[in-house]
């Protein structure tokens, strides 16, 4: 157990850990960074990225280690505290009241706070990963 591999800036020692689409995989010992993406046939491939790209988020502001996540559920917890559940199982408390199901969140992995969100609307660019008409 050498603790050399990080998935989304978190050390993972389980060899069966299910890394998913757009996850950043970092190997500290060799200094390599990869992003899991789909190829044209829908299979996972690893895309080598730079250390700066692994830390820089996908917009113009400079939040390190940002992550995109799809909102699957919005609910009220104990004592009426609102929270959202994302596609990768994360629970984020006190979201922006404008966030709805199917919106995409951008949040900081180090603090766990939402930095931005994109509404699910007509005209937005998206990546289709499956379906009947692919």
N, C-alpha and C. Protein backbone atom coordinates (compact mmCIF):
# COMPACT_ATOMS: atom_id res chain seq x y z
N UNK A 1 0.84 -1.17 0.00
CA UNK A 1 0.00 0.00 0.00
C UNK A 1 0.89 1.24 0.00
N UNK A 2 1.20 1.76 -1.18
CA UNK A 2 2.14 2.86 -1.26
C UNK A 2 1.47 4.22 -1.39
N UNK A 3 0.15 4.26 -1.62
CA UNK A 3 -0.61 5.51 -1.68
C UNK A 3 -0.06 6.48 -2.73
N UNK A 4 0.17 5.97 -3.93
CA UNK A 4 0.77 6.77 -5.00
C UNK A 4 -0.25 7.37 -5.96
N UNK A 5 -1.45 6.81 -6.04
CA UNK A 5 -2.43 7.24 -7.03
C UNK A 5 -3.51 8.09 -6.37
N UNK A 6 -3.81 9.24 -7.00
CA UNK A 6 -4.89 10.11 -6.55
C UNK A 6 -5.95 10.18 -7.64
N UNK A 7 -7.20 10.09 -7.25
CA UNK A 7 -8.32 10.29 -8.16
C UNK A 7 -9.08 11.50 -7.64
N UNK A 8 -9.16 12.54 -8.46
CA UNK A 8 -9.78 13.82 -8.07
C UNK A 8 -9.17 14.37 -6.79
N UNK A 9 -7.84 14.36 -6.73
CA UNK A 9 -7.06 14.92 -5.64
C UNK A 9 -7.28 14.21 -4.31
N UNK A 10 -7.66 12.94 -4.35
CA UNK A 10 -7.85 12.15 -3.14
C UNK A 10 -7.15 10.81 -3.33
N UNK A 11 -6.32 10.42 -2.36
CA UNK A 11 -5.56 9.17 -2.46
C UNK A 11 -6.53 7.99 -2.45
N UNK A 12 -6.37 7.09 -3.41
CA UNK A 12 -7.20 5.88 -3.50
C UNK A 12 -6.30 4.66 -3.42
N UNK A 13 -6.59 3.77 -2.47
CA UNK A 13 -5.80 2.55 -2.32
C UNK A 13 -6.55 1.32 -2.79
N UNK A 14 -7.85 1.43 -3.00
CA UNK A 14 -8.66 0.31 -3.46
C UNK A 14 -8.44 0.12 -4.96
N UNK A 15 -7.94 -1.05 -5.36
CA UNK A 15 -7.64 -1.28 -6.78
C UNK A 15 -8.91 -1.42 -7.61
N UNK A 16 -10.07 -1.60 -6.97
CA UNK A 16 -11.32 -1.71 -7.70
C UNK A 16 -12.13 -0.41 -7.62
N UNK A 17 -11.51 0.71 -7.24
CA UNK A 17 -12.23 1.98 -7.14
C UNK A 17 -12.76 2.38 -8.52
N UNK A 18 -14.05 2.72 -8.62
CA UNK A 18 -14.64 3.02 -9.93
C UNK A 18 -14.43 4.47 -10.37
N UNK A 19 -13.31 4.76 -10.99
CA UNK A 19 -13.09 6.10 -11.55
C UNK A 19 -14.02 6.28 -12.74
N UNK A 20 -14.50 7.51 -12.95
CA UNK A 20 -15.50 7.75 -13.98
C UNK A 20 -15.11 8.84 -14.95
N UNK A 21 -16.07 9.21 -15.78
CA UNK A 21 -15.89 10.19 -16.84
C UNK A 21 -15.42 11.53 -16.27
N UNK A 22 -14.38 12.11 -16.88
CA UNK A 22 -13.79 13.40 -16.53
C UNK A 22 -13.07 13.40 -15.18
N UNK A 23 -12.80 12.24 -14.59
CA UNK A 23 -12.01 12.18 -13.36
C UNK A 23 -10.55 12.45 -13.70
N UNK A 24 -9.86 13.15 -12.80
CA UNK A 24 -8.44 13.43 -12.96
C UNK A 24 -7.67 12.41 -12.13
N UNK A 25 -6.77 11.67 -12.79
CA UNK A 25 -5.95 10.67 -12.12
C UNK A 25 -4.53 11.20 -12.08
N UNK A 26 -3.95 11.26 -10.87
CA UNK A 26 -2.61 11.80 -10.68
C UNK A 26 -1.72 10.73 -10.07
N UNK A 27 -0.54 10.55 -10.66
CA UNK A 27 0.47 9.65 -10.11
C UNK A 27 1.60 10.55 -9.62
N UNK A 28 1.69 10.71 -8.30
CA UNK A 28 2.63 11.66 -7.71
C UNK A 28 4.09 11.30 -8.00
N UNK A 29 4.43 10.02 -7.93
CA UNK A 29 5.83 9.60 -8.05
C UNK A 29 6.42 9.94 -9.41
N UNK A 30 5.64 9.78 -10.47
CA UNK A 30 6.13 10.07 -11.81
C UNK A 30 5.75 11.46 -12.29
N UNK A 31 4.84 12.12 -11.56
CA UNK A 31 4.40 13.46 -11.96
C UNK A 31 3.45 13.47 -13.14
N UNK A 32 2.79 12.34 -13.41
CA UNK A 32 1.88 12.25 -14.55
C UNK A 32 0.45 12.54 -14.11
N UNK A 33 -0.30 13.16 -15.01
CA UNK A 33 -1.71 13.47 -14.78
C UNK A 33 -2.52 13.02 -16.00
N UNK A 34 -3.67 12.41 -15.74
CA UNK A 34 -4.53 11.91 -16.80
C UNK A 34 -5.96 12.32 -16.52
N UNK A 35 -6.76 12.39 -17.59
CA UNK A 35 -8.19 12.61 -17.46
C UNK A 35 -8.89 11.48 -18.20
N UNK A 36 -9.90 10.89 -17.55
CA UNK A 36 -10.68 9.82 -18.18
C UNK A 36 -11.74 10.43 -19.08
N UNK A 37 -11.69 10.10 -20.36
CA UNK A 37 -12.67 10.59 -21.33
C UNK A 37 -13.13 9.42 -22.18
N UNK A 38 -14.17 9.64 -22.96
CA UNK A 38 -14.66 8.62 -23.89
C UNK A 38 -14.03 8.81 -25.25
N UNK A 39 -13.76 7.69 -25.95
CA UNK A 39 -13.33 7.80 -27.35
C UNK A 39 -14.58 7.79 -28.24
N UNK A 40 -14.37 7.73 -29.55
CA UNK A 40 -15.50 7.83 -30.48
C UNK A 40 -16.44 6.63 -30.41
N UNK A 41 -15.97 5.51 -29.88
CA UNK A 41 -16.81 4.33 -29.76
C UNK A 41 -17.42 4.17 -28.37
N UNK A 42 -17.22 5.16 -27.49
CA UNK A 42 -17.83 5.12 -26.18
C UNK A 42 -17.04 4.36 -25.13
N UNK A 43 -15.77 4.09 -25.41
CA UNK A 43 -14.93 3.39 -24.44
C UNK A 43 -14.11 4.41 -23.66
N UNK A 44 -13.75 4.06 -22.42
CA UNK A 44 -12.89 4.94 -21.63
C UNK A 44 -11.48 4.94 -22.19
N UNK A 45 -10.90 6.13 -22.29
CA UNK A 45 -9.49 6.27 -22.63
C UNK A 45 -8.89 7.28 -21.66
N UNK A 46 -7.58 7.17 -21.46
CA UNK A 46 -6.91 8.14 -20.60
C UNK A 46 -6.23 9.17 -21.49
N UNK A 47 -6.42 10.43 -21.16
CA UNK A 47 -5.85 11.53 -21.92
C UNK A 47 -4.82 12.21 -21.02
N UNK A 48 -3.57 12.25 -21.45
CA UNK A 48 -2.51 12.85 -20.65
C UNK A 48 -2.70 14.37 -20.61
N UNK A 49 -2.66 14.95 -19.42
CA UNK A 49 -2.80 16.39 -19.25
C UNK A 49 -1.64 16.91 -18.43
N UNK A 50 -1.43 18.22 -18.47
CA UNK A 50 -0.35 18.83 -17.70
C UNK A 50 -0.79 19.02 -16.25
N UNK A 51 0.17 19.31 -15.39
CA UNK A 51 -0.14 19.54 -13.98
C UNK A 51 -1.01 20.78 -13.81
N UNK A 52 -0.77 21.80 -14.65
CA UNK A 52 -1.59 23.00 -14.57
C UNK A 52 -3.02 22.72 -14.99
N UNK A 53 -3.19 21.91 -16.04
CA UNK A 53 -4.53 21.56 -16.51
C UNK A 53 -5.26 20.71 -15.47
N UNK A 54 -4.52 19.91 -14.71
CA UNK A 54 -5.14 19.10 -13.67
C UNK A 54 -5.65 19.97 -12.53
N UNK A 55 -5.03 21.13 -12.34
CA UNK A 55 -5.43 22.01 -11.24
C UNK A 55 -6.34 23.14 -11.66
N UNK A 56 -6.26 23.55 -12.92
CA UNK A 56 -7.04 24.69 -13.39
C UNK A 56 -8.45 24.23 -13.71
N UNK A 57 -9.43 25.03 -13.31
CA UNK A 57 -10.82 24.67 -13.57
C UNK A 57 -11.19 25.01 -15.01
N UNK A 58 -12.40 24.71 -15.39
CA UNK A 58 -12.80 24.81 -16.79
C UNK A 58 -13.38 26.16 -17.18
N UNK A 59 -13.23 27.19 -16.36
CA UNK A 59 -13.70 28.52 -16.75
C UNK A 59 -12.59 29.53 -16.54
N UNK A 60 -12.92 30.82 -16.63
CA UNK A 60 -11.90 31.86 -16.59
C UNK A 60 -11.43 32.20 -15.19
N UNK A 61 -12.24 31.93 -14.15
CA UNK A 61 -11.77 32.26 -12.81
C UNK A 61 -10.76 31.22 -12.34
N UNK A 62 -10.02 31.53 -11.28
CA UNK A 62 -8.86 30.70 -10.92
C UNK A 62 -9.09 29.92 -9.64
N UNK A 63 -10.06 29.02 -9.64
CA UNK A 63 -10.25 28.13 -8.50
C UNK A 63 -9.49 26.84 -8.77
N UNK A 64 -8.57 26.44 -7.89
CA UNK A 64 -7.84 25.20 -8.14
C UNK A 64 -8.71 23.97 -7.90
N UNK A 65 -8.44 22.93 -8.64
CA UNK A 65 -9.09 21.63 -8.49
C UNK A 65 -10.62 21.73 -8.52
N UNK A 66 -11.16 22.27 -9.58
CA UNK A 66 -12.60 22.35 -9.74
C UNK A 66 -13.11 21.06 -10.38
N UNK A 67 -14.37 20.76 -10.13
CA UNK A 67 -14.97 19.53 -10.63
C UNK A 67 -16.38 19.85 -11.11
N UNK A 68 -16.77 19.25 -12.22
CA UNK A 68 -18.13 19.40 -12.72
C UNK A 68 -18.97 18.22 -12.25
N UNK A 69 -20.21 18.49 -11.85
CA UNK A 69 -21.10 17.44 -11.37
C UNK A 69 -22.53 17.76 -11.76
N UNK A 70 -23.29 16.75 -12.12
CA UNK A 70 -24.68 16.89 -12.51
C UNK A 70 -25.58 16.72 -11.28
N UNK A 71 -26.54 17.61 -11.11
CA UNK A 71 -27.47 17.53 -9.98
C UNK A 71 -28.52 16.47 -10.28
N UNK A 72 -28.61 15.46 -9.42
CA UNK A 72 -29.59 14.39 -9.59
C UNK A 72 -30.81 14.58 -8.70
N UNK A 73 -30.63 15.21 -7.53
CA UNK A 73 -31.73 15.31 -6.58
C UNK A 73 -31.54 16.55 -5.71
N UNK A 74 -32.64 17.21 -5.38
CA UNK A 74 -32.63 18.33 -4.44
C UNK A 74 -33.64 17.99 -3.35
N UNK A 75 -33.24 18.17 -2.10
CA UNK A 75 -34.13 17.81 -1.00
C UNK A 75 -33.84 18.68 0.21
N UNK A 76 -34.71 18.55 1.22
CA UNK A 76 -34.51 19.21 2.50
C UNK A 76 -34.11 18.17 3.52
N UNK A 77 -33.07 18.47 4.28
CA UNK A 77 -32.59 17.55 5.30
C UNK A 77 -33.18 17.88 6.66
N UNK A 78 -32.48 17.46 7.70
CA UNK A 78 -32.90 17.71 9.07
C UNK A 78 -32.96 19.22 9.32
N UNK A 79 -34.01 19.65 10.02
CA UNK A 79 -34.23 21.07 10.35
C UNK A 79 -34.37 21.95 9.11
N UNK A 80 -34.79 21.38 7.98
CA UNK A 80 -35.06 22.17 6.78
C UNK A 80 -33.84 22.65 6.03
N UNK A 81 -32.69 21.99 6.21
CA UNK A 81 -31.46 22.39 5.52
C UNK A 81 -31.49 21.82 4.10
N UNK A 82 -31.44 22.68 3.07
CA UNK A 82 -31.45 22.17 1.69
C UNK A 82 -30.11 21.55 1.31
N UNK A 83 -30.18 20.54 0.45
CA UNK A 83 -28.96 19.92 -0.06
C UNK A 83 -29.22 19.37 -1.45
N UNK A 84 -28.13 19.18 -2.22
CA UNK A 84 -28.22 18.57 -3.53
C UNK A 84 -27.37 17.31 -3.53
N UNK A 85 -27.79 16.34 -4.33
CA UNK A 85 -27.03 15.11 -4.53
C UNK A 85 -26.60 15.09 -5.99
N UNK A 86 -25.30 14.87 -6.22
CA UNK A 86 -24.76 14.91 -7.58
C UNK A 86 -24.68 13.51 -8.17
N UNK A 87 -24.33 13.44 -9.45
CA UNK A 87 -24.29 12.16 -10.16
C UNK A 87 -23.23 11.22 -9.60
N UNK A 88 -22.20 11.75 -8.95
CA UNK A 88 -21.16 10.88 -8.40
C UNK A 88 -21.33 10.62 -6.91
N UNK A 89 -22.52 10.93 -6.37
CA UNK A 89 -22.84 10.58 -4.99
C UNK A 89 -22.47 11.62 -3.95
N UNK A 90 -21.97 12.76 -4.35
CA UNK A 90 -21.62 13.80 -3.38
C UNK A 90 -22.89 14.51 -2.91
N UNK A 91 -22.90 14.88 -1.63
CA UNK A 91 -23.98 15.65 -1.06
C UNK A 91 -23.42 17.02 -0.69
N UNK A 92 -24.04 18.07 -1.20
CA UNK A 92 -23.57 19.43 -0.94
C UNK A 92 -24.71 20.20 -0.27
N UNK A 93 -24.44 20.70 0.93
CA UNK A 93 -25.45 21.43 1.68
C UNK A 93 -25.47 22.91 1.31
N UNK A 94 -26.60 23.54 1.53
CA UNK A 94 -26.82 24.96 1.28
C UNK A 94 -26.48 25.37 -0.15
N UNK A 95 -27.11 24.78 -1.16
CA UNK A 95 -26.84 25.20 -2.54
C UNK A 95 -27.55 26.52 -2.85
N UNK A 96 -27.21 27.11 -3.97
CA UNK A 96 -27.88 28.31 -4.46
C UNK A 96 -29.35 27.96 -4.72
N UNK A 97 -30.29 28.81 -4.31
CA UNK A 97 -31.71 28.49 -4.53
C UNK A 97 -32.12 28.40 -6.00
N UNK A 98 -31.31 28.93 -6.92
CA UNK A 98 -31.63 28.87 -8.34
C UNK A 98 -31.25 27.53 -8.98
N UNK A 99 -30.51 26.69 -8.27
CA UNK A 99 -30.07 25.39 -8.81
C UNK A 99 -31.25 24.43 -8.84
N UNK A 100 -31.41 23.74 -9.97
CA UNK A 100 -32.48 22.76 -10.15
C UNK A 100 -31.88 21.42 -10.58
N UNK A 101 -32.73 20.39 -10.63
CA UNK A 101 -32.30 19.07 -11.09
C UNK A 101 -31.86 19.18 -12.55
N UNK A 102 -30.82 18.45 -12.93
CA UNK A 102 -30.19 18.40 -14.25
C UNK A 102 -29.26 19.58 -14.53
N UNK A 103 -29.13 20.54 -13.62
CA UNK A 103 -28.13 21.59 -13.79
C UNK A 103 -26.75 21.01 -13.51
N UNK A 104 -25.71 21.68 -14.01
CA UNK A 104 -24.34 21.24 -13.79
C UNK A 104 -23.67 22.20 -12.82
N UNK A 105 -23.08 21.63 -11.77
CA UNK A 105 -22.38 22.42 -10.76
C UNK A 105 -20.89 22.38 -11.02
N UNK A 106 -20.23 23.47 -10.69
CA UNK A 106 -18.77 23.47 -10.65
C UNK A 106 -18.39 23.78 -9.22
N UNK A 107 -17.73 22.83 -8.57
CA UNK A 107 -17.38 23.08 -7.18
C UNK A 107 -15.92 22.76 -6.93
N UNK A 108 -15.39 23.39 -5.90
CA UNK A 108 -14.00 23.27 -5.52
C UNK A 108 -13.83 21.99 -4.71
N UNK A 109 -12.91 21.11 -5.13
CA UNK A 109 -12.71 19.85 -4.44
C UNK A 109 -12.06 20.04 -3.07
N UNK A 110 -11.26 21.08 -2.90
CA UNK A 110 -10.56 21.27 -1.63
C UNK A 110 -11.50 21.77 -0.54
N UNK A 111 -12.41 22.68 -0.88
CA UNK A 111 -13.31 23.24 0.14
C UNK A 111 -14.69 22.60 0.11
N UNK A 112 -15.08 21.98 -1.00
CA UNK A 112 -16.40 21.39 -1.12
C UNK A 112 -17.49 22.41 -1.38
N UNK A 113 -17.14 23.62 -1.77
CA UNK A 113 -18.11 24.69 -2.01
C UNK A 113 -18.42 24.81 -3.50
N UNK A 114 -19.65 25.19 -3.81
CA UNK A 114 -20.07 25.42 -5.19
C UNK A 114 -19.52 26.77 -5.64
N UNK A 115 -18.79 26.78 -6.77
CA UNK A 115 -18.24 28.04 -7.28
C UNK A 115 -19.08 28.61 -8.42
N UNK A 116 -19.77 27.76 -9.16
CA UNK A 116 -20.57 28.22 -10.30
C UNK A 116 -21.52 27.10 -10.69
N UNK A 117 -22.53 27.43 -11.49
CA UNK A 117 -23.41 26.39 -12.03
C UNK A 117 -23.92 26.81 -13.39
N UNK A 118 -24.27 25.81 -14.20
CA UNK A 118 -24.79 26.03 -15.55
C UNK A 118 -26.19 25.44 -15.60
N UNK A 119 -27.15 26.26 -16.02
CA UNK A 119 -28.53 25.81 -16.10
C UNK A 119 -28.70 24.83 -17.26
N UNK A 120 -29.60 23.88 -17.10
CA UNK A 120 -29.96 22.93 -18.14
C UNK A 120 -31.01 23.59 -19.02
N UNK A 121 -30.55 24.20 -20.14
CA UNK A 121 -31.44 24.95 -21.01
C UNK A 121 -31.18 24.61 -22.47
N UNK A 122 -32.10 24.99 -23.32
CA UNK A 122 -31.94 24.83 -24.75
C UNK A 122 -30.81 25.73 -25.23
N UNK A 123 -29.92 25.20 -26.08
CA UNK A 123 -28.84 25.99 -26.64
C UNK A 123 -27.50 25.78 -25.96
N UNK A 124 -27.45 25.09 -24.83
CA UNK A 124 -26.18 24.83 -24.16
C UNK A 124 -25.47 23.66 -24.82
N UNK A 125 -24.13 23.68 -24.79
CA UNK A 125 -23.33 22.61 -25.37
C UNK A 125 -23.24 21.47 -24.36
N UNK A 126 -23.38 20.22 -24.83
CA UNK A 126 -23.34 19.06 -23.95
C UNK A 126 -22.62 17.92 -24.65
N UNK A 127 -22.23 16.91 -23.87
CA UNK A 127 -21.63 15.71 -24.43
C UNK A 127 -22.59 14.55 -24.21
N UNK A 128 -23.07 13.96 -25.28
CA UNK A 128 -23.97 12.82 -25.19
C UNK A 128 -23.13 11.56 -25.06
N UNK A 129 -23.38 10.79 -24.00
CA UNK A 129 -22.58 9.60 -23.74
C UNK A 129 -23.34 8.31 -24.02
N UNK A 130 -24.61 8.39 -24.33
CA UNK A 130 -25.35 7.18 -24.62
C UNK A 130 -26.75 7.52 -25.07
N UNK A 131 -27.44 6.52 -25.59
CA UNK A 131 -28.80 6.74 -26.03
C UNK A 131 -29.07 6.02 -27.33
N UNK A 132 -30.31 6.04 -27.74
CA UNK A 132 -30.74 5.30 -28.90
C UNK A 132 -30.23 5.88 -30.21
N UNK A 133 -30.10 7.18 -30.30
CA UNK A 133 -29.75 7.83 -31.56
C UNK A 133 -28.30 8.27 -31.63
N UNK A 134 -27.43 7.54 -31.03
CA UNK A 134 -26.01 7.91 -31.03
C UNK A 134 -25.35 7.50 -32.31
